[in-house]
Amino acid sequence: KKYGRAKRYVVVGVLAAPEGIDRIKETHPEVEMFV
């Protein structure tokens, strides 16, 4: 985010744990996630 503000932020992964999703959503709530 230091390199400019985008229209959308998306995380693409294979697997996620609920703990990790919670952590990301706490600090970057606008981020979408596709796993």
PDB file of all heavy atoms in Angstrom:
ATOM      1  N   LYS A   1       0.807  -1.218   0.000  1.00  0.00           N
ATOM      2  CA  LYS A   1       0.000   0.000   0.000  1.00  0.00           C
ATOM      3  C   LYS A   1       0.846   1.276   0.000  1.00  0.00           C
ATOM      4  O   LYS A   1       0.329   2.369  -0.264  1.00  0.00           O
ATOM      5  CB  LYS A   1      -0.961  -0.006   1.189  1.00  0.00           C
ATOM      6  CG  LYS A   1      -2.112  -0.997   1.006  1.00  0.00           C
ATOM      7  CD  LYS A   1      -3.088  -0.973   2.171  1.00  0.00           C
ATOM      8  CE  LYS A   1      -4.252  -1.919   1.935  1.00  0.00           C
ATOM      9  NZ  LYS A   1      -5.221  -1.910   3.054  1.00  0.00           N
ATOM     10  N   LYS A   2       2.143   1.143   0.250  1.00  0.00           N
ATOM     11  CA  LYS A   2       3.032   2.303   0.178  1.00  0.00           C
ATOM     12  C   LYS A   2       3.273   2.748  -1.268  1.00  0.00           C
ATOM     13  O   LYS A   2       3.751   3.859  -1.507  1.00  0.00           O
ATOM     14  CB  LYS A   2       4.374   1.975   0.832  1.00  0.00           C
ATOM     15  CG  LYS A   2       4.298   1.672   2.319  1.00  0.00           C
ATOM     16  CD  LYS A   2       5.661   1.264   2.849  1.00  0.00           C
ATOM     17  CE  LYS A   2       5.592   0.890   4.322  1.00  0.00           C
ATOM     18  NZ  LYS A   2       6.917   0.430   4.836  1.00  0.00           N
ATOM     19  N   TYR A   3       2.937   1.883  -2.234  1.00  0.00           N
ATOM     20  CA  TYR A   3       3.223   2.161  -3.636  1.00  0.00           C
ATOM     21  C   TYR A   3       2.018   2.728  -4.372  1.00  0.00           C
ATOM     22  O   TYR A   3       2.020   2.807  -5.597  1.00  0.00           O
ATOM     23  CB  TYR A   3       3.718   0.882  -4.322  1.00  0.00           C
ATOM     24  CG  TYR A   3       5.073   0.447  -3.825  1.00  0.00           C
ATOM     25  CD1 TYR A   3       5.188  -0.266  -2.633  1.00  0.00           C
ATOM     26  CD2 TYR A   3       6.236   0.757  -4.520  1.00  0.00           C
ATOM     27  CE1 TYR A   3       6.424  -0.651  -2.148  1.00  0.00           C
ATOM     28  CE2 TYR A   3       7.476   0.374  -4.049  1.00  0.00           C
ATOM     29  CZ  TYR A   3       7.566  -0.331  -2.858  1.00  0.00           C
ATOM     30  OH  TYR A   3       8.793  -0.716  -2.384  1.00  0.00           O
ATOM     31  N   GLY A   4       0.985   3.106  -3.622  1.00  0.00           N
ATOM     32  CA  GLY A   4      -0.204   3.696  -4.229  1.00  0.00           C
ATOM     33  C   GLY A   4      -1.457   2.954  -3.813  1.00  0.00           C
ATOM     34  O   GLY A   4      -1.401   1.783  -3.438  1.00  0.00           O
ATOM     35  N   ARG A   5      -2.583   3.636  -3.870  1.00  0.00           N
ATOM     36  CA  ARG A   5      -3.861   3.042  -3.484  1.00  0.00           C
ATOM     37  C   ARG A   5      -4.571   2.476  -4.703  1.00  0.00           C
ATOM     38  O   ARG A   5      -4.687   3.152  -5.727  1.00  0.00           O
ATOM     39  CB  ARG A   5      -4.752   4.069  -2.800  1.00  0.00           C
ATOM     40  CG  ARG A   5      -4.155   4.624  -1.520  1.00  0.00           C
ATOM     41  CD  ARG A   5      -3.997   3.582  -0.443  1.00  0.00           C
ATOM     42  NE  ARG A   5      -5.265   3.028  -0.008  1.00  0.00           N
ATOM     43  CZ  ARG A   5      -5.407   2.202   1.019  1.00  0.00           C
ATOM     44  NH1 ARG A   5      -4.350   1.818   1.710  1.00  0.00           N
ATOM     45  NH2 ARG A   5      -6.594   1.733   1.352  1.00  0.00           N
ATOM     46  N   ALA A   6      -5.037   1.240  -4.576  1.00  0.00           N
ATOM     47  CA  ALA A   6      -5.661   0.537  -5.698  1.00  0.00           C
ATOM     48  C   ALA A   6      -7.175   0.542  -5.592  1.00  0.00           C
ATOM     49  O   ALA A   6      -7.753   0.832  -4.535  1.00  0.00           O
ATOM     50  CB  ALA A   6      -5.155  -0.908  -5.736  1.00  0.00           C
ATOM     51  N   LYS A   7      -7.818   0.187  -6.699  1.00  0.00           N
ATOM     52  CA  LYS A   7      -9.267   0.028  -6.746  1.00  0.00           C
ATOM     53  C   LYS A   7      -9.707  -1.157  -5.890  1.00  0.00           C
ATOM     54  O   LYS A   7     -10.701  -1.085  -5.165  1.00  0.00           O
ATOM     55  CB  LYS A   7      -9.681  -0.181  -8.199  1.00  0.00           C
ATOM     56  CG  LYS A   7     -11.158  -0.453  -8.427  1.00  0.00           C
ATOM     57  CD  LYS A   7     -11.422  -0.655  -9.924  1.00  0.00           C
ATOM     58  CE  LYS A   7     -12.873  -0.987 -10.200  1.00  0.00           C
ATOM     59  NZ  LYS A   7     -13.131  -1.166 -11.656  1.00  0.00           N
ATOM     60  N   ARG A   8      -8.959  -2.271  -5.990  1.00  0.00           N
ATOM     61  CA  ARG A   8      -9.272  -3.491  -5.241  1.00  0.00           C
ATOM     62  C   ARG A   8      -7.982  -4.136  -4.756  1.00  0.00           C
ATOM     63  O   ARG A   8      -6.944  -4.059  -5.423  1.00  0.00           O
ATOM     64  CB  ARG A   8     -10.007  -4.524  -6.109  1.00  0.00           C
ATOM     65  CG  ARG A   8     -11.376  -4.184  -6.560  1.00  0.00           C
ATOM     66  CD  ARG A   8     -11.904  -5.241  -7.524  1.00  0.00           C
ATOM     67  NE  ARG A   8     -12.200  -6.515  -6.882  1.00  0.00           N
ATOM     68  CZ  ARG A   8     -12.532  -7.617  -7.554  1.00  0.00           C
ATOM     69  NH1 ARG A   8     -12.602  -7.603  -8.870  1.00  0.00           N
ATOM     70  NH2 ARG A   8     -12.804  -8.740  -6.904  1.00  0.00           N
ATOM     71  N   TYR A   9      -8.081  -4.805  -3.619  1.00  0.00           N
ATOM     72  CA  TYR A   9      -6.997  -5.651  -3.118  1.00  0.00           C
ATOM     73  C   TYR A   9      -7.560  -7.057  -2.952  1.00  0.00           C
ATOM     74  O   TYR A   9      -8.581  -7.255  -2.280  1.00  0.00           O
ATOM     75  CB  TYR A   9      -6.456  -5.146  -1.782  1.00  0.00           C
ATOM     76  CG  TYR A   9      -5.728  -3.825  -1.897  1.00  0.00           C
ATOM     77  CD1 TYR A   9      -6.409  -2.623  -1.723  1.00  0.00           C
ATOM     78  CD2 TYR A   9      -4.377  -3.783  -2.204  1.00  0.00           C
ATOM     79  CE1 TYR A   9      -5.760  -1.410  -1.849  1.00  0.00           C
ATOM     80  CE2 TYR A   9      -3.712  -2.565  -2.322  1.00  0.00           C
ATOM     81  CZ  TYR A   9      -4.410  -1.386  -2.144  1.00  0.00           C
ATOM     82  OH  TYR A   9      -3.757  -0.181  -2.270  1.00  0.00           O
ATOM     83  N   VAL A  10      -6.890  -8.030  -3.576  1.00  0.00           N
ATOM     84  CA  VAL A  10      -7.374  -9.406  -3.592  1.00  0.00           C
ATOM     85  C   VAL A  10      -6.232 -10.337  -3.198  1.00  0.00           C
ATOM     86  O   VAL A  10      -5.117 -10.205  -3.713  1.00  0.00           O
ATOM     87  CB  VAL A  10      -7.893  -9.796  -4.995  1.00  0.00           C
ATOM     88  CG1 VAL A  10      -8.334 -11.250  -5.026  1.00  0.00           C
ATOM     89  CG2 VAL A  10      -9.032  -8.880  -5.425  1.00  0.00           C
ATOM     90  N   VAL A  11      -6.510 -11.271  -2.307  1.00  0.00           N
ATOM     91  CA  VAL A  11      -5.558 -12.330  -1.972  1.00  0.00           C
ATOM     92  C   VAL A  11      -6.025 -13.613  -2.647  1.00  0.00           C
ATOM     93  O   VAL A  11      -7.198 -13.987  -2.534  1.00  0.00           O
ATOM     94  CB  VAL A  11      -5.464 -12.543  -0.451  1.00  0.00           C
ATOM     95  CG1 VAL A  11      -4.676 -13.811  -0.123  1.00  0.00           C
ATOM     96  CG2 VAL A  11      -4.810 -11.330   0.213  1.00  0.00           C
ATOM     97  N   VAL A  12      -5.122 -14.264  -3.373  1.00  0.00           N
ATOM     98  CA  VAL A  12      -5.418 -15.549  -4.002  1.00  0.00           C
ATOM     99  C   VAL A  12      -4.502 -16.600  -3.391  1.00  0.00           C
ATOM    100  O   VAL A  12      -3.277 -16.441  -3.387  1.00  0.00           O
ATOM    101  CB  VAL A  12      -5.219 -15.491  -5.534  1.00  0.00           C
ATOM    102  CG1 VAL A  12      -5.363 -16.882  -6.136  1.00  0.00           C
ATOM    103  CG2 VAL A  12      -6.226 -14.542  -6.167  1.00  0.00           C
ATOM    104  N   GLY A  13      -5.104 -17.665  -2.855  1.00  0.00           N
ATOM    105  CA  GLY A  13      -4.332 -18.724  -2.229  1.00  0.00           C
ATOM    106  C   GLY A  13      -4.925 -20.084  -2.477  1.00  0.00           C
ATOM    107  O   GLY A  13      -5.980 -20.214  -3.117  1.00  0.00           O
ATOM    108  N   VAL A  14      -4.249 -21.095  -1.975  1.00  0.00           N
ATOM    109  CA  VAL A  14      -4.732 -22.472  -2.091  1.00  0.00           C
ATOM    110  C   VAL A  14      -5.547 -22.844  -0.868  1.00  0.00           C
ATOM    111  O   VAL A  14      -6.698 -23.267  -0.971  1.00  0.00           O
ATOM    112  CB  VAL A  14      -3.561 -23.458  -2.276  1.00  0.00           C
ATOM    113  CG1 VAL A  14      -4.064 -24.899  -2.325  1.00  0.00           C
ATOM    114  CG2 VAL A  14      -2.786 -23.118  -3.545  1.00  0.00           C
ATOM    115  N   LEU A  15      -4.967 -22.668   0.311  1.00  0.00           N
ATOM    116  CA  LEU A  15      -5.648 -22.988   1.559  1.00  0.00           C
ATOM    117  C   LEU A  15      -5.571 -21.814   2.520  1.00  0.00           C
ATOM    118  O   LEU A  15      -4.599 -21.065   2.530  1.00  0.00           O
ATOM    119  CB  LEU A  15      -5.007 -24.217   2.222  1.00  0.00           C
ATOM    120  CG  LEU A  15      -5.163 -25.567   1.528  1.00  0.00           C
ATOM    121  CD1 LEU A  15      -4.402 -26.630   2.308  1.00  0.00           C
ATOM    122  CD2 LEU A  15      -6.628 -25.949   1.399  1.00  0.00           C
ATOM    123  N   ALA A  16      -6.602 -21.686   3.345  1.00  0.00           N
ATOM    124  CA  ALA A  16      -6.608 -20.676   4.398  1.00  0.00           C
ATOM    125  C   ALA A  16      -7.107 -21.298   5.687  1.00  0.00           C
ATOM    126  O   ALA A  16      -7.932 -22.216   5.672  1.00  0.00           O
ATOM    127  CB  ALA A  16      -7.492 -19.495   4.017  1.00  0.00           C
ATOM    128  N   ALA A  17      -6.581 -20.808   6.789  1.00  0.00           N
ATOM    129  CA  ALA A  17      -7.087 -21.168   8.113  1.00  0.00           C
ATOM    130  C   ALA A  17      -7.943 -20.018   8.625  1.00  0.00           C
ATOM    131  O   ALA A  17      -7.652 -18.849   8.326  1.00  0.00           O
ATOM    132  CB  ALA A  17      -5.934 -21.436   9.075  1.00  0.00           C
ATOM    133  N   PRO A  18      -8.992 -20.310   9.392  1.00  0.00           N
ATOM    134  CA  PRO A  18      -9.828 -19.223   9.919  1.00  0.00           C
ATOM    135  C   PRO A  18      -9.034 -18.173  10.682  1.00  0.00           C
ATOM    136  O   PRO A  18      -9.333 -16.975  10.602  1.00  0.00           O
ATOM    137  CB  PRO A  18     -10.817 -19.959  10.828  1.00  0.00           C
ATOM    138  CG  PRO A  18     -10.897 -21.337  10.254  1.00  0.00           C
ATOM    139  CD  PRO A  18      -9.517 -21.643   9.758  1.00  0.00           C
ATOM    140  N   GLU A  19      -7.999 -18.609  11.418  1.00  0.00           N
ATOM    141  CA  GLU A  19      -7.190 -17.668  12.188  1.00  0.00           C
ATOM    142  C   GLU A  19      -6.511 -16.643  11.284  1.00  0.00           C
ATOM    143  O   GLU A  19      -6.416 -15.455  11.615  1.00  0.00           O
ATOM    144  CB  GLU A  19      -6.123 -18.423  13.000  1.00  0.00           C
ATOM    145  CG  GLU A  19      -6.690 -19.371  14.045  1.00  0.00           C
ATOM    146  CD  GLU A  19      -6.849 -20.800  13.534  1.00  0.00           C
ATOM    147  OE1 GLU A  19      -7.146 -20.981  12.335  1.00  0.00           O
ATOM    148  OE2 GLU A  19      -6.694 -21.732  14.351  1.00  0.00           O
ATOM    149  N   GLY A  20      -6.017 -17.109  10.130  1.00  0.00           N
ATOM    150  CA  GLY A  20      -5.344 -16.204   9.205  1.00  0.00           C
ATOM    151  C   GLY A  20      -6.301 -15.225   8.559  1.00  0.00           C
ATOM    152  O   GLY A  20      -5.980 -14.041   8.375  1.00  0.00           O
ATOM    153  N   ILE A  21      -7.487 -15.712   8.204  1.00  0.00           N
ATOM    154  CA  ILE A  21      -8.490 -14.817   7.613  1.00  0.00           C
ATOM    155  C   ILE A  21      -8.891 -13.748   8.617  1.00  0.00           C
ATOM    156  O   ILE A  21      -8.986 -12.562   8.278  1.00  0.00           O
ATOM    157  CB  ILE A  21      -9.720 -15.620   7.155  1.00  0.00           C
ATOM    158  CG1 ILE A  21      -9.327 -16.633   6.059  1.00  0.00           C
ATOM    159  CG2 ILE A  21     -10.806 -14.676   6.623  1.00  0.00           C
ATOM    160  CD1 ILE A  21     -10.441 -17.570   5.657  1.00  0.00           C
ATOM    161  N   ASP A  22      -9.109 -14.146   9.861  1.00  0.00           N
ATOM    162  CA  ASP A  22      -9.456 -13.184  10.908  1.00  0.00           C
ATOM    163  C   ASP A  22      -8.389 -12.103  11.039  1.00  0.00           C
ATOM    164  O   ASP A  22      -8.699 -10.907  11.137  1.00  0.00           O
ATOM    165  CB  ASP A  22      -9.614 -13.898  12.259  1.00  0.00           C
ATOM    166  CG  ASP A  22     -10.913 -14.677  12.373  1.00  0.00           C
ATOM    167  OD1 ASP A  22     -11.864 -14.380  11.620  1.00  0.00           O
ATOM    168  OD2 ASP A  22     -10.983 -15.594  13.217  1.00  0.00           O
ATOM    169  N   ARG A  23      -7.136 -12.527  11.044  1.00  0.00           N
ATOM    170  CA  ARG A  23      -6.027 -11.580  11.223  1.00  0.00           C
ATOM    171  C   ARG A  23      -5.984 -10.563  10.082  1.00  0.00           C
ATOM    172  O   ARG A  23      -5.812  -9.358  10.304  1.00  0.00           O
ATOM    173  CB  ARG A  23      -4.714 -12.363  11.295  1.00  0.00           C
ATOM    174  CG  ARG A  23      -3.466 -11.504  11.412  1.00  0.00           C
ATOM    175  CD  ARG A  23      -3.268 -10.988  12.837  1.00  0.00           C
ATOM    176  NE  ARG A  23      -2.110 -10.139  12.933  1.00  0.00           N
ATOM    177  CZ  ARG A  23      -0.847 -10.581  13.096  1.00  0.00           C
ATOM    178  NH1 ARG A  23      -0.625 -11.887  13.181  1.00  0.00           N
ATOM    179  NH2 ARG A  23       0.154  -9.741  13.203  1.00  0.00           N
ATOM    180  N   ILE A  24      -6.116 -11.040   8.866  1.00  0.00           N
ATOM    181  CA  ILE A  24      -6.071 -10.133   7.710  1.00  0.00           C
ATOM    182  C   ILE A  24      -7.262  -9.181   7.715  1.00  0.00           C
ATOM    183  O   ILE A  24      -7.123  -7.979   7.464  1.00  0.00           O
ATOM    184  CB  ILE A  24      -6.025 -10.946   6.408  1.00  0.00           C
ATOM    185  CG1 ILE A  24      -4.695 -11.712   6.317  1.00  0.00           C
ATOM    186  CG2 ILE A  24      -6.193 -10.034   5.186  1.00  0.00           C
ATOM    187  CD1 ILE A  24      -4.675 -12.795   5.268  1.00  0.00           C
ATOM    188  N   LYS A  25      -8.442  -9.701   8.014  1.00  0.00           N
ATOM    189  CA  LYS A  25      -9.645  -8.869   8.013  1.00  0.00           C
ATOM    190  C   LYS A  25      -9.624  -7.817   9.121  1.00  0.00           C
ATOM    191  O   LYS A  25     -10.219  -6.740   8.985  1.00  0.00           O
ATOM    192  CB  LYS A  25     -10.891  -9.756   8.142  1.00  0.00           C
ATOM    193  CG  LYS A  25     -11.273 -10.467   6.851  1.00  0.00           C
ATOM    194  CD  LYS A  25     -11.733  -9.468   5.805  1.00  0.00           C
ATOM    195  CE  LYS A  25     -12.268 -10.106   4.560  1.00  0.00           C
ATOM    196  NZ  LYS A  25     -12.741  -9.109   3.581  1.00  0.00           N
ATOM    197  N   GLU A  26      -8.944  -8.103  10.210  1.00  0.00           N
ATOM    198  CA  GLU A  26      -8.838  -7.131  11.299  1.00  0.00           C
ATOM    199  C   GLU A  26      -8.046  -5.898  10.877  1.00  0.00           C
ATOM    200  O   GLU A  26      -8.364  -4.778  11.273  1.00  0.00           O
ATOM    201  CB  GLU A  26      -8.162  -7.778  12.510  1.00  0.00           C
ATOM    202  CG  GLU A  26      -9.053  -8.730  13.293  1.00  0.00           C
ATOM    203  CD  GLU A  26      -8.285  -9.508  14.339  1.00  0.00           C
ATOM    204  OE1 GLU A  26      -7.070  -9.225  14.512  1.00  0.00           O
ATOM    205  OE2 GLU A  26      -8.874 -10.401  14.972  1.00  0.00           O
ATOM    206  N   THR A  27      -6.995  -6.122  10.094  1.00  0.00           N
ATOM    207  CA  THR A  27      -6.102  -5.020   9.730  1.00  0.00           C
ATOM    208  C   THR A  27      -6.361  -4.464   8.330  1.00  0.00           C
ATOM    209  O   THR A  27      -6.058  -3.306   8.058  1.00  0.00           O
ATOM    210  CB  THR A  27      -4.630  -5.467   9.828  1.00  0.00           C
ATOM    211  OG1 THR A  27      -4.467  -6.673   9.070  1.00  0.00           O
ATOM    212  CG2 THR A  27      -4.253  -5.754  11.274  1.00  0.00           C
ATOM    213  N   HIS A  28      -6.891  -5.299   7.439  1.00  0.00           N
ATOM    214  CA  HIS A  28      -7.189  -4.877   6.067  1.00  0.00           C
ATOM    215  C   HIS A  28      -8.587  -5.375   5.689  1.00  0.00           C
ATOM    216  O   HIS A  28      -8.738  -6.292   4.880  1.00  0.00           O
ATOM    217  CB  HIS A  28      -6.144  -5.432   5.103  1.00  0.00           C
ATOM    218  CG  HIS A  28      -4.754  -4.952   5.367  1.00  0.00           C
ATOM    219  ND1 HIS A  28      -4.294  -3.714   4.954  1.00  0.00           N
ATOM    220  CD2 HIS A  28      -3.718  -5.532   6.031  1.00  0.00           C
ATOM    221  CE1 HIS A  28      -3.038  -3.560   5.328  1.00  0.00           C
ATOM    222  NE2 HIS A  28      -2.666  -4.650   5.985  1.00  0.00           N
ATOM    223  N   PRO A  29      -9.620  -4.795   6.266  1.00  0.00           N
ATOM    224  CA  PRO A  29     -10.987  -5.319   6.089  1.00  0.00           C
ATOM    225  C   PRO A  29     -11.495  -5.274   4.649  1.00  0.00           C
ATOM    226  O   PRO A  29     -12.396  -6.032   4.294  1.00  0.00           O
ATOM    227  CB  PRO A  29     -11.835  -4.418   6.999  1.00  0.00           C
ATOM    228  CG  PRO A  29     -11.027  -3.175   7.180  1.00  0.00           C
ATOM    229  CD  PRO A  29      -9.601  -3.614   7.159  1.00  0.00           C
ATOM    230  N   GLU A  30     -10.929  -4.399   3.815  1.00  0.00           N
ATOM    231  CA  GLU A  30     -11.407  -4.272   2.446  1.00  0.00           C
ATOM    232  C   GLU A  30     -10.867  -5.358   1.523  1.00  0.00           C
ATOM    233  O   GLU A  30     -11.339  -5.521   0.391  1.00  0.00           O
ATOM    234  CB  GLU A  30     -11.029  -2.897   1.878  1.00  0.00           C
ATOM    235  CG  GLU A  30      -9.605  -2.755   1.381  1.00  0.00           C
ATOM    236  CD  GLU A  30      -8.548  -2.630   2.473  1.00  0.00           C
ATOM    237  OE1 GLU A  30      -8.870  -2.814   3.658  1.00  0.00           O
ATOM    238  OE2 GLU A  30      -7.396  -2.340   2.127  1.00  0.00           O
ATOM    239  N   VAL A  31      -9.896  -6.127   1.986  1.00  0.00           N
ATOM    240  CA  VAL A  31      -9.257  -7.137   1.140  1.00  0.00           C
ATOM    241  C   VAL A  31     -10.210  -8.309   0.888  1.00  0.00           C
ATOM    242  O   VAL A  31     -10.812  -8.848   1.822  1.00  0.00           O
ATOM    243  CB  VAL A  31      -7.956  -7.639   1.794  1.00  0.00           C
ATOM    244  CG1 VAL A  31      -7.413  -8.859   1.046  1.00  0.00           C
ATOM    245  CG2 VAL A  31      -6.914  -6.529   1.796  1.00  0.00           C
ATOM    246  N   GLU A  32     -10.330  -8.684  -0.390  1.00  0.00           N
ATOM    247  CA  GLU A  32     -11.100  -9.872  -0.763  1.00  0.00           C
ATOM    248  C   GLU A  32     -10.152 -11.077  -0.810  1.00  0.00           C
ATOM    249  O   GLU A  32      -8.959 -10.911  -1.092  1.00  0.00           O
ATOM    250  CB  GLU A  32     -11.748  -9.680  -2.130  1.00  0.00           C
ATOM    251  CG  GLU A  32     -12.660  -8.464  -2.215  1.00  0.00           C
ATOM    252  CD  GLU A  32     -12.960  -8.096  -3.653  1.00  0.00           C
ATOM    253  OE1 GLU A  32     -13.593  -8.908  -4.361  1.00  0.00           O
ATOM    254  OE2 GLU A  32     -12.542  -7.007  -4.081  1.00  0.00           O
ATOM    255  N   MET A  33     -10.702 -12.263  -0.562  1.00  0.00           N
ATOM    256  CA  MET A  33      -9.871 -13.454  -0.529  1.00  0.00           C
ATOM    257  C   MET A  33     -10.529 -14.573  -1.327  1.00  0.00           C
ATOM    258  O   MET A  33     -11.716 -14.862  -1.135  1.00  0.00           O
ATOM    259  CB  MET A  33      -9.621 -13.884   0.913  1.00  0.00           C
ATOM    260  CG  MET A  33      -9.016 -12.780   1.765  1.00  0.00           C
ATOM    261  SD  MET A  33      -8.777 -13.227   3.496  1.00  0.00           S
ATOM    262  CE  MET A  33      -7.413 -14.355   3.327  1.00  0.00           C
ATOM    263  N   PHE A  34      -9.742 -15.198  -2.197  1.00  0.00           N
ATOM    264  CA  PHE A  34     -10.196 -16.316  -3.021  1.00  0.00           C
ATOM    265  C   PHE A  34      -9.242 -17.486  -2.798  1.00  0.00           C
ATOM    266  O   PHE A  34      -8.052 -17.378  -3.112  1.00  0.00           O
ATOM    267  CB  PHE A  34     -10.213 -15.929  -4.504  1.00  0.00           C
ATOM    268  CG  PHE A  34     -11.206 -14.861  -4.856  1.00  0.00           C
ATOM    269  CD1 PHE A  34     -10.931 -13.521  -4.612  1.00  0.00           C
ATOM    270  CD2 PHE A  34     -12.431 -15.188  -5.433  1.00  0.00           C
ATOM    271  CE1 PHE A  34     -11.840 -12.529  -4.938  1.00  0.00           C
ATOM    272  CE2 PHE A  34     -13.353 -14.198  -5.762  1.00  0.00           C
ATOM    273  CZ  PHE A  34     -13.065 -12.874  -5.510  1.00  0.00           C
ATOM    274  N   VAL A  35      -9.757 -18.583  -2.253  1.00  0.00           N
ATOM    275  CA  VAL A  35      -8.923 -19.754  -1.964  1.00  0.00           C
ATOM    276  C   VAL A  35      -9.639 -21.019  -2.423  1.00  0.00           C
ATOM    277  O   VAL A  35     -10.873 -21.049  -2.534  1.00  0.00           O
ATOM    278  CB  VAL A  35      -8.593 -19.871  -0.462  1.00  0.00           C
ATOM    279  CG1 VAL A  35      -7.739 -18.699  -0.012  1.00  0.00           C
ATOM    280  CG2 VAL A  35      -9.851 -19.962   0.389  1.00  0.00           C
TER     281      VAL A  35
END
